[in-house]
Amino acid sequence: MHSTSARRELGFVLALACAGLALVLVVVFTPWYTAVPPVG
């Protein structure tokens, strides 16, 4: 279970999970950014 293919697959799954989480956060917080006027 120490093959490079398993490690590469694990990295791909983690990267995909992080990308999905980032996408969800962007979708959730985008209305707040558009609703709040820029300060400064």
Protein backbone atom coordinates (compact mmCIF):
# COMPACT_ATOMS: atom_id res chain seq x y z
CA MET A 1 0.00 0.00 0.00
CA HIS A 2 3.06 2.23 -0.38
CA SER A 3 2.78 2.57 -4.12
CA THR A 4 3.13 5.96 -5.77
CA SER A 5 -0.20 5.54 -7.54
CA ALA A 6 -2.07 5.32 -4.23
CA ARG A 7 -0.25 8.39 -2.93
CA ARG A 8 -1.02 10.28 -6.16
CA GLU A 9 -4.68 9.25 -5.92
CA LEU A 10 -4.82 10.45 -2.31
CA GLY A 11 -3.32 13.80 -3.34
CA PHE A 12 -5.84 14.10 -6.16
CA VAL A 13 -8.75 13.40 -3.80
CA LEU A 14 -7.46 15.94 -1.27
CA ALA A 15 -6.96 18.56 -3.99
CA LEU A 16 -10.46 17.92 -5.33
CA ALA A 17 -11.93 18.22 -1.83
CA CYS A 18 -10.10 21.51 -1.23
CA ALA A 19 -11.25 22.86 -4.60
CA GLY A 20 -14.86 21.91 -3.82
CA LEU A 21 -14.67 23.52 -0.39
CA ALA A 22 -13.21 26.71 -1.87
CA LEU A 23 -15.95 26.79 -4.50
CA VAL A 24 -18.65 26.41 -1.83
CA LEU A 25 -17.12 29.19 0.28
CA VAL A 26 -16.96 31.50 -2.75
CA VAL A 27 -20.60 30.82 -3.62
CA VAL A 28 -21.69 31.37 -0.01
CA PHE A 29 -19.74 34.58 0.62
CA THR A 30 -20.00 36.27 -2.79
CA PRO A 31 -23.35 38.07 -2.02
CA TRP A 32 -21.74 39.60 1.09
CA TYR A 33 -18.87 40.99 -0.96
CA THR A 34 -21.23 42.47 -3.55
CA ALA A 35 -23.61 43.92 -0.92
CA VAL A 36 -20.97 45.66 1.20
CA PRO A 37 -19.63 48.90 -0.30
CA PRO A 38 -15.82 49.22 -0.45
CA VAL A 39 -14.29 51.02 2.50
CA GLY A 40 -11.49 53.52 1.95
